[in-house]
Amino acid sequence: MNNFAFSKINYILLVVGLVIIVAGFILMSGSGTTEEAFNPEIFNDTRIKVAPMVSLFGFIFVIAAILWPSKR
């Protein structure tokens, strides 16, 4: 009856990876520039360098969680 594709550890690692990805996208979000006012905050280091690296780490973590061997 226990015919799941992944083991429990795979699902836990998948959820952790998805949380890391969401955190990266939240770091990228913020107010933008309108036609009336330019917002120089869109070019800060967190939005350009840190957040994409966090998201990339999350995607790599998800791939590792999928490839993690199950103990069967």
C-alpha atoms as a PDB file:
ATOM      1  CA  MET A   1       0.000   0.000   0.000  1.00  0.00           C
ATOM      2  CA  ASN A   2       2.990   2.285   0.487  1.00  0.00           C
ATOM      3  CA  ASN A   3       3.709   2.838  -3.228  1.00  0.00           C
ATOM      4  CA  PHE A   4       4.806   6.462  -3.174  1.00  0.00           C
ATOM      5  CA  ALA A   5       7.479   7.605  -5.602  1.00  0.00           C
ATOM      6  CA  PHE A   6       9.575   9.214  -2.862  1.00  0.00           C
ATOM      7  CA  SER A   7      10.353   8.463   0.747  1.00  0.00           C
ATOM      8  CA  LYS A   8       9.537  10.760   3.638  1.00  0.00           C
ATOM      9  CA  ILE A   9      12.978  12.402   3.575  1.00  0.00           C
ATOM     10  CA  ASN A  10      12.520  13.256  -0.125  1.00  0.00           C
ATOM     11  CA  TYR A  11       9.293  15.097   0.617  1.00  0.00           C
ATOM     12  CA  ILE A  12      10.849  16.964   3.531  1.00  0.00           C
ATOM     13  CA  LEU A  13      13.789  18.048   1.375  1.00  0.00           C
ATOM     14  CA  LEU A  14      11.408  19.116  -1.400  1.00  0.00           C
ATOM     15  CA  VAL A  15       9.450  21.327   0.987  1.00  0.00           C
ATOM     16  CA  VAL A  16      12.664  22.874   2.331  1.00  0.00           C
ATOM     17  CA  GLY A  17      13.823  23.579  -1.213  1.00  0.00           C
ATOM     18  CA  LEU A  18      10.507  25.179  -2.124  1.00  0.00           C
ATOM     19  CA  VAL A  19      10.667  27.395   0.973  1.00  0.00           C
ATOM     20  CA  ILE A  20      14.163  28.527  -0.059  1.00  0.00           C
ATOM     21  CA  ILE A  21      12.895  29.335  -3.572  1.00  0.00           C
ATOM     22  CA  VAL A  22       9.970  31.340  -2.195  1.00  0.00           C
ATOM     23  CA  ALA A  23      12.345  33.220   0.116  1.00  0.00           C
ATOM     24  CA  GLY A  24      14.495  34.138  -2.879  1.00  0.00           C
ATOM     25  CA  PHE A  25      11.503  35.450  -4.801  1.00  0.00           C
ATOM     26  CA  ILE A  26      10.354  37.445  -1.767  1.00  0.00           C
ATOM     27  CA  LEU A  27      13.825  39.007  -1.569  1.00  0.00           C
ATOM     28  CA  MET A  28      13.487  40.006  -5.236  1.00  0.00           C
ATOM     29  CA  SER A  29      10.118  41.666  -4.744  1.00  0.00           C
ATOM     30  CA  GLY A  30       9.580  45.288  -3.909  1.00  0.00           C
ATOM     31  CA  SER A  31       8.297  48.498  -5.311  1.00  0.00           C
ATOM     32  CA  GLY A  32       9.108  49.270  -8.905  1.00  0.00           C
ATOM     33  CA  THR A  33       9.649  52.404 -10.926  1.00  0.00           C
ATOM     34  CA  THR A  34       6.702  54.339 -12.309  1.00  0.00           C
ATOM     35  CA  GLU A  35       6.570  56.868 -15.119  1.00  0.00           C
ATOM     36  CA  GLU A  36       6.372  59.700 -12.595  1.00  0.00           C
ATOM     37  CA  ALA A  37       9.161  58.663 -10.226  1.00  0.00           C
ATOM     38  CA  PHE A  38      12.361  56.663 -10.593  1.00  0.00           C
ATOM     39  CA  ASN A  39      13.089  54.266  -7.738  1.00  0.00           C
ATOM     40  CA  PRO A  40      16.841  53.556  -7.411  1.00  0.00           C
ATOM     41  CA  GLU A  41      16.086  50.820  -4.860  1.00  0.00           C
ATOM     42  CA  ILE A  42      15.480  48.362  -7.715  1.00  0.00           C
ATOM     43  CA  PHE A  43      19.241  48.222  -8.287  1.00  0.00           C
ATOM     44  CA  ASN A  44      20.381  47.308  -4.776  1.00  0.00           C
ATOM     45  CA  ASP A  45      22.601  44.288  -4.151  1.00  0.00           C
ATOM     46  CA  THR A  46      19.936  42.219  -2.430  1.00  0.00           C
ATOM     47  CA  ARG A  47      17.596  42.289  -5.412  1.00  0.00           C
ATOM     48  CA  ILE A  48      20.272  41.824  -8.067  1.00  0.00           C
ATOM     49  CA  LYS A  49      22.828  39.461  -6.490  1.00  0.00           C
ATOM     50  CA  VAL A  50      21.623  37.809  -3.289  1.00  0.00           C
ATOM     51  CA  ALA A  51      18.035  36.917  -4.187  1.00  0.00           C
ATOM     52  CA  PRO A  52      18.828  35.155  -7.489  1.00  0.00           C
ATOM     53  CA  MET A  53      21.572  33.143  -5.784  1.00  0.00           C
ATOM     54  CA  VAL A  54      19.161  32.119  -3.000  1.00  0.00           C
ATOM     55  CA  SER A  55      16.605  31.023  -5.604  1.00  0.00           C
ATOM     56  CA  LEU A  56      19.252  29.135  -7.590  1.00  0.00           C
ATOM     57  CA  PHE A  57      20.352  27.362  -4.409  1.00  0.00           C
ATOM     58  CA  GLY A  58      16.712  26.436  -3.785  1.00  0.00           C
ATOM     59  CA  PHE A  59      16.337  24.959  -7.281  1.00  0.00           C
ATOM     60  CA  ILE A  60      19.550  22.964  -6.865  1.00  0.00           C
ATOM     61  CA  PHE A  61      18.277  21.784  -3.467  1.00  0.00           C
ATOM     62  CA  VAL A  62      15.013  20.590  -5.060  1.00  0.00           C
ATOM     63  CA  ILE A  63      16.926  18.679  -7.750  1.00  0.00           C
ATOM     64  CA  ALA A  64      19.049  17.047  -5.037  1.00  0.00           C
ATOM     65  CA  ALA A  65      15.887  16.157  -3.100  1.00  0.00           C
ATOM     66  CA  ILE A  66      14.436  14.452  -6.169  1.00  0.00           C
ATOM     67  CA  LEU A  67      17.636  12.503  -6.798  1.00  0.00           C
ATOM     68  CA  TRP A  68      18.139  11.535  -3.138  1.00  0.00           C
ATOM     69  CA  PRO A  69      18.131   7.712  -2.964  1.00  0.00           C
ATOM     70  CA  SER A  70      15.357   6.071  -1.001  1.00  0.00           C
ATOM     71  CA  LYS A  71      16.080   3.253   1.465  1.00  0.00           C
ATOM     72  CA  ARG A  72      14.091   0.455  -0.191  1.00  0.00           C
END
